[in-house]
């Protein structure tokens, strides 16, 4: 089981949840009311599930594929440790994962 911390865009709120190996971060986020739209439903055709992974956890993730990098080029507020939540799958090796919601995030599905 992985302990996941979502940090709000303004940094004032932390949401702590857990996930299991094989779970996709986007699904965990949406199931826990995080403002990640995921318009393309994980097909890497948008960047609405962009998150910024903590420095400590970023190096433990597999490298982003070229297609994900291309989508991140379209994301607002991208950082060195940016990833798409639809491309992060929890593994047995992950004890914890901390991600921040970018300040530019806006979930149109929640409107």
N, C-alpha and C. Protein backbone atom coordinates (compact mmCIF):
# COMPACT_ATOMS: atom_id res chain seq x y z
N UNK A 1 0.84 -1.18 0.00
CA UNK A 1 0.00 0.00 0.00
C UNK A 1 0.89 1.24 0.00
N UNK A 2 0.49 2.23 -0.77
CA UNK A 2 1.24 3.48 -0.90
C UNK A 2 0.48 4.61 -0.23
N UNK A 3 1.19 5.39 0.56
CA UNK A 3 0.61 6.60 1.16
C UNK A 3 0.81 7.74 0.17
N UNK A 4 -0.28 8.37 -0.21
CA UNK A 4 -0.24 9.46 -1.19
C UNK A 4 -0.66 10.75 -0.52
N UNK A 5 0.11 11.80 -0.78
CA UNK A 5 -0.22 13.13 -0.28
C UNK A 5 -0.44 14.04 -1.48
N UNK A 6 -1.62 14.64 -1.55
CA UNK A 6 -1.93 15.65 -2.54
C UNK A 6 -1.82 17.00 -1.84
N UNK A 7 -1.02 17.89 -2.39
CA UNK A 7 -0.88 19.24 -1.84
C UNK A 7 -1.63 20.19 -2.76
N UNK A 8 -2.49 21.01 -2.18
CA UNK A 8 -3.30 21.94 -2.98
C UNK A 8 -2.40 22.95 -3.69
N UNK A 9 -2.95 23.59 -4.70
CA UNK A 9 -2.20 24.56 -5.50
C UNK A 9 -1.62 25.69 -4.64
N UNK A 10 -2.37 26.11 -3.63
CA UNK A 10 -1.87 27.20 -2.79
C UNK A 10 -0.98 26.70 -1.65
N UNK A 11 -0.84 25.40 -1.54
CA UNK A 11 0.03 24.82 -0.52
C UNK A 11 -0.56 24.77 0.87
N UNK A 12 -1.80 25.20 1.02
CA UNK A 12 -2.43 25.29 2.34
C UNK A 12 -3.13 24.02 2.79
N UNK A 13 -3.41 23.12 1.87
CA UNK A 13 -4.17 21.92 2.21
C UNK A 13 -3.45 20.67 1.73
N UNK A 14 -3.39 19.69 2.60
CA UNK A 14 -2.85 18.39 2.23
C UNK A 14 -3.95 17.35 2.41
N UNK A 15 -4.09 16.49 1.43
CA UNK A 15 -5.03 15.38 1.50
C UNK A 15 -4.22 14.09 1.48
N UNK A 16 -4.45 13.25 2.48
CA UNK A 16 -3.70 12.00 2.60
C UNK A 16 -4.64 10.83 2.30
N UNK A 17 -4.22 10.00 1.36
CA UNK A 17 -5.00 8.83 0.97
C UNK A 17 -4.03 7.66 0.77
N UNK A 18 -4.56 6.50 0.46
CA UNK A 18 -3.71 5.35 0.17
C UNK A 18 -4.14 4.73 -1.15
N UNK A 19 -3.21 4.01 -1.75
CA UNK A 19 -3.49 3.31 -2.99
C UNK A 19 -2.76 1.99 -3.01
N UNK A 20 -3.13 1.14 -3.92
CA UNK A 20 -2.56 -0.20 -4.03
C UNK A 20 -1.73 -0.33 -5.31
N UNK A 21 -0.80 -1.26 -5.33
CA UNK A 21 -0.02 -1.48 -6.54
C UNK A 21 -0.94 -1.68 -7.75
N UNK A 22 -0.59 -1.01 -8.85
CA UNK A 22 -1.39 -1.08 -10.06
C UNK A 22 -2.40 0.03 -10.19
N UNK A 23 -2.72 0.71 -9.08
CA UNK A 23 -3.66 1.83 -9.14
C UNK A 23 -3.03 2.99 -9.91
N UNK A 24 -3.86 3.70 -10.66
CA UNK A 24 -3.41 4.87 -11.42
C UNK A 24 -3.66 6.12 -10.60
N UNK A 25 -2.66 7.01 -10.53
CA UNK A 25 -2.77 8.21 -9.71
C UNK A 25 -3.96 9.07 -10.10
N UNK A 26 -4.26 9.18 -11.38
CA UNK A 26 -5.41 9.99 -11.80
C UNK A 26 -6.70 9.47 -11.18
N UNK A 27 -6.90 8.16 -11.19
CA UNK A 27 -8.11 7.58 -10.61
C UNK A 27 -8.18 7.84 -9.12
N UNK A 28 -7.06 7.69 -8.44
CA UNK A 28 -7.01 7.94 -7.00
C UNK A 28 -7.36 9.40 -6.73
N UNK A 29 -6.79 10.31 -7.51
CA UNK A 29 -7.06 11.74 -7.32
C UNK A 29 -8.54 12.05 -7.51
N UNK A 30 -9.12 11.57 -8.60
CA UNK A 30 -10.52 11.85 -8.88
C UNK A 30 -11.44 11.23 -7.84
N UNK A 31 -11.11 10.05 -7.35
CA UNK A 31 -11.92 9.39 -6.32
C UNK A 31 -11.82 10.08 -4.97
N UNK A 32 -10.86 10.99 -4.84
CA UNK A 32 -10.67 11.70 -3.58
C UNK A 32 -10.81 13.21 -3.76
N UNK A 33 -11.63 13.60 -4.73
CA UNK A 33 -12.04 14.99 -4.96
C UNK A 33 -10.89 15.96 -5.21
N UNK A 34 -9.84 15.48 -5.86
CA UNK A 34 -8.74 16.37 -6.24
C UNK A 34 -9.08 17.01 -7.59
N UNK A 35 -8.68 18.26 -7.83
CA UNK A 35 -9.09 18.98 -9.04
C UNK A 35 -8.26 18.61 -10.28
N UNK A 36 -8.25 17.33 -10.62
CA UNK A 36 -7.58 16.87 -11.82
C UNK A 36 -8.64 16.39 -12.79
N UNK A 37 -8.79 17.09 -13.88
CA UNK A 37 -9.87 16.81 -14.81
C UNK A 37 -9.69 15.51 -15.57
N UNK A 38 -8.53 15.30 -16.16
CA UNK A 38 -8.33 14.08 -16.94
C UNK A 38 -9.29 13.98 -18.11
N UNK A 39 -9.41 15.05 -18.87
CA UNK A 39 -10.38 15.15 -19.96
C UNK A 39 -10.31 13.97 -20.91
N UNK A 40 -9.10 13.53 -21.24
CA UNK A 40 -8.95 12.46 -22.23
C UNK A 40 -9.05 11.06 -21.61
N UNK A 41 -9.36 11.01 -20.33
CA UNK A 41 -9.53 9.75 -19.60
C UNK A 41 -8.29 8.86 -19.66
N UNK A 42 -7.12 9.51 -19.60
CA UNK A 42 -5.88 8.75 -19.52
C UNK A 42 -5.29 8.32 -20.83
N UNK A 43 -5.75 8.89 -21.93
CA UNK A 43 -5.25 8.51 -23.25
C UNK A 43 -4.07 9.36 -23.72
N UNK A 44 -3.55 10.21 -22.87
CA UNK A 44 -2.43 11.12 -23.16
C UNK A 44 -2.73 12.02 -24.36
N UNK A 45 -3.95 12.53 -24.41
CA UNK A 45 -4.33 13.46 -25.46
C UNK A 45 -4.56 14.86 -24.91
N UNK A 46 -4.23 15.07 -23.64
CA UNK A 46 -4.39 16.38 -23.02
C UNK A 46 -3.38 16.46 -21.88
N UNK A 47 -3.41 17.56 -21.16
CA UNK A 47 -2.52 17.69 -20.00
C UNK A 47 -3.29 18.13 -18.76
N UNK A 48 -4.57 17.79 -18.71
CA UNK A 48 -5.42 18.26 -17.61
C UNK A 48 -5.26 17.46 -16.32
N UNK A 49 -4.34 16.49 -16.32
CA UNK A 49 -4.06 15.75 -15.08
C UNK A 49 -2.61 15.98 -14.64
N UNK A 50 -2.06 17.10 -15.09
CA UNK A 50 -0.69 17.49 -14.76
C UNK A 50 -0.54 17.67 -13.25
N UNK A 51 0.49 17.03 -12.69
CA UNK A 51 0.85 17.21 -11.27
C UNK A 51 2.35 17.46 -11.19
N UNK A 52 2.77 18.02 -10.07
CA UNK A 52 4.19 18.23 -9.82
C UNK A 52 4.59 17.29 -8.69
N UNK A 53 5.44 16.36 -9.01
CA UNK A 53 5.87 15.32 -8.07
C UNK A 53 6.99 15.88 -7.19
N UNK A 54 6.98 15.50 -5.92
CA UNK A 54 8.06 15.95 -5.02
C UNK A 54 9.40 15.47 -5.56
N UNK A 55 10.44 16.24 -5.28
CA UNK A 55 11.79 15.88 -5.73
C UNK A 55 12.16 14.47 -5.29
N UNK A 56 11.84 14.13 -4.04
CA UNK A 56 12.21 12.83 -3.48
C UNK A 56 11.56 11.68 -4.23
N UNK A 57 10.32 11.87 -4.64
CA UNK A 57 9.57 10.79 -5.29
C UNK A 57 9.78 10.75 -6.80
N UNK A 58 10.13 11.88 -7.39
CA UNK A 58 10.28 11.95 -8.84
C UNK A 58 11.32 10.96 -9.36
N UNK A 59 12.44 10.87 -8.66
CA UNK A 59 13.52 9.99 -9.12
C UNK A 59 13.15 8.51 -9.02
N UNK A 60 12.14 8.18 -8.22
CA UNK A 60 11.73 6.78 -8.06
C UNK A 60 10.76 6.34 -9.15
N UNK A 61 10.22 7.30 -9.90
CA UNK A 61 9.26 6.97 -10.95
C UNK A 61 9.99 6.58 -12.23
N UNK A 62 9.38 5.72 -13.03
CA UNK A 62 9.96 5.45 -14.36
C UNK A 62 9.98 6.75 -15.16
N UNK A 63 10.91 6.88 -16.06
CA UNK A 63 11.00 8.08 -16.88
C UNK A 63 9.75 8.22 -17.75
N UNK A 64 9.38 9.47 -17.99
CA UNK A 64 8.24 9.74 -18.86
C UNK A 64 8.59 9.36 -20.29
N UNK A 65 7.62 8.80 -21.00
CA UNK A 65 7.81 8.48 -22.40
C UNK A 65 7.70 9.77 -23.22
N UNK A 66 8.16 9.71 -24.44
CA UNK A 66 8.18 10.90 -25.30
C UNK A 66 6.79 11.52 -25.47
N UNK A 67 5.77 10.67 -25.61
CA UNK A 67 4.41 11.18 -25.78
C UNK A 67 3.96 11.98 -24.55
N UNK A 68 4.30 11.49 -23.36
CA UNK A 68 3.96 12.23 -22.14
C UNK A 68 4.71 13.55 -22.09
N UNK A 69 5.99 13.53 -22.44
CA UNK A 69 6.78 14.76 -22.48
C UNK A 69 6.16 15.77 -23.44
N UNK A 70 5.66 15.30 -24.58
CA UNK A 70 5.02 16.19 -25.55
C UNK A 70 3.76 16.83 -24.94
N UNK A 71 2.98 16.06 -24.21
CA UNK A 71 1.78 16.61 -23.58
C UNK A 71 2.15 17.60 -22.47
N UNK A 72 3.21 17.31 -21.74
CA UNK A 72 3.65 18.23 -20.69
C UNK A 72 4.10 19.56 -21.27
N UNK A 73 4.59 19.55 -22.50
CA UNK A 73 4.96 20.80 -23.16
C UNK A 73 3.77 21.73 -23.31
N UNK A 74 2.56 21.18 -23.29
CA UNK A 74 1.34 21.97 -23.43
C UNK A 74 0.74 22.38 -22.09
N UNK A 75 1.27 21.85 -21.01
CA UNK A 75 0.71 22.11 -19.68
C UNK A 75 1.14 23.48 -19.15
N UNK A 76 0.23 24.13 -18.44
CA UNK A 76 0.56 25.40 -17.80
C UNK A 76 1.26 25.12 -16.47
N UNK A 77 2.25 25.94 -16.15
CA UNK A 77 2.91 25.82 -14.86
C UNK A 77 3.80 24.60 -14.73
N UNK A 78 4.31 24.10 -15.84
CA UNK A 78 5.14 22.90 -15.82
C UNK A 78 6.44 23.16 -15.04
N UNK A 79 6.90 22.13 -14.36
CA UNK A 79 8.13 22.21 -13.57
C UNK A 79 9.03 21.02 -13.95
N UNK A 80 10.24 21.02 -13.44
CA UNK A 80 11.19 19.95 -13.74
C UNK A 80 10.64 18.58 -13.36
N UNK A 81 9.83 18.51 -12.30
CA UNK A 81 9.31 17.23 -11.82
C UNK A 81 7.83 17.02 -12.20
N UNK A 82 7.39 17.68 -13.26
CA UNK A 82 6.01 17.52 -13.71
C UNK A 82 5.80 16.16 -14.36
N UNK A 83 4.61 15.61 -14.13
CA UNK A 83 4.19 14.35 -14.77
C UNK A 83 2.69 14.43 -14.99
N UNK A 84 2.19 13.53 -15.81
CA UNK A 84 0.75 13.38 -15.98
C UNK A 84 0.30 12.29 -15.03
N UNK A 85 -0.72 12.58 -14.23
CA UNK A 85 -1.20 11.61 -13.24
C UNK A 85 -1.74 10.35 -13.90
N UNK A 86 -2.18 10.46 -15.15
CA UNK A 86 -2.69 9.28 -15.85
C UNK A 86 -1.58 8.30 -16.21
N UNK A 87 -0.34 8.73 -16.11
CA UNK A 87 0.79 7.88 -16.48
C UNK A 87 1.57 7.37 -15.27
N UNK A 88 1.09 7.69 -14.08
CA UNK A 88 1.74 7.22 -12.86
C UNK A 88 0.92 6.07 -12.28
N UNK A 89 1.52 4.90 -12.28
CA UNK A 89 0.89 3.72 -11.69
C UNK A 89 1.68 3.32 -10.45
N UNK A 90 0.97 3.07 -9.36
CA UNK A 90 1.64 2.70 -8.11
C UNK A 90 2.27 1.32 -8.25
N UNK A 91 3.41 1.15 -7.60
CA UNK A 91 4.10 -0.13 -7.60
C UNK A 91 4.27 -0.62 -6.17
N UNK A 92 4.64 -1.87 -6.03
CA UNK A 92 4.87 -2.43 -4.69
C UNK A 92 6.03 -1.74 -3.99
N UNK A 93 6.96 -1.19 -4.74
CA UNK A 93 8.13 -0.52 -4.16
C UNK A 93 7.82 0.86 -3.59
N UNK A 94 6.70 1.44 -3.97
CA UNK A 94 6.36 2.81 -3.53
C UNK A 94 5.76 2.79 -2.14
N UNK A 95 6.47 3.37 -1.19
CA UNK A 95 5.91 3.51 0.15
C UNK A 95 5.06 4.76 0.25
N UNK A 96 5.52 5.82 -0.45
CA UNK A 96 4.77 7.08 -0.41
C UNK A 96 4.98 7.82 -1.72
N UNK A 97 4.08 8.75 -1.98
CA UNK A 97 4.13 9.59 -3.17
C UNK A 97 3.48 10.92 -2.81
N UNK A 98 4.21 12.00 -3.04
CA UNK A 98 3.68 13.33 -2.76
C UNK A 98 3.64 14.12 -4.05
N UNK A 99 2.47 14.69 -4.36
CA UNK A 99 2.31 15.50 -5.56
C UNK A 99 1.58 16.80 -5.21
N UNK A 100 1.92 17.84 -5.96
CA UNK A 100 1.26 19.14 -5.79
C UNK A 100 0.41 19.40 -7.02
N UNK A 101 -0.76 19.94 -6.78
CA UNK A 101 -1.65 20.36 -7.86
C UNK A 101 -1.13 21.70 -8.37
N UNK A 102 -0.88 21.84 -9.67
CA UNK A 102 -0.38 23.13 -10.19
C UNK A 102 -1.38 24.25 -9.95
N UNK A 103 -0.89 25.44 -9.78
CA UNK A 103 -1.75 26.60 -9.55
C UNK A 103 -2.70 26.89 -10.69
N UNK A 104 -2.36 26.43 -11.87
CA UNK A 104 -3.18 26.68 -13.04
C UNK A 104 -4.27 25.64 -13.22
N UNK A 105 -4.35 24.66 -12.34
CA UNK A 105 -5.33 23.58 -12.49
C UNK A 105 -6.74 24.13 -12.34
N UNK A 106 -7.62 23.68 -13.22
CA UNK A 106 -9.04 24.04 -13.15
C UNK A 106 -9.85 22.86 -13.65
N UNK A 107 -10.61 22.27 -12.77
CA UNK A 107 -11.40 21.10 -13.12
C UNK A 107 -12.76 21.53 -13.64
N UNK A 108 -12.94 21.47 -14.95
CA UNK A 108 -14.20 21.87 -15.56
C UNK A 108 -15.30 20.86 -15.27
N UNK A 109 -14.96 19.63 -14.93
CA UNK A 109 -15.95 18.62 -14.62
C UNK A 109 -16.62 18.89 -13.28
N UNK A 110 -15.93 19.61 -12.41
CA UNK A 110 -16.47 19.90 -11.09
C UNK A 110 -17.38 21.11 -11.08
N UNK A 111 -17.57 21.75 -12.23
CA UNK A 111 -18.39 22.97 -12.32
C UNK A 111 -19.83 22.60 -12.50
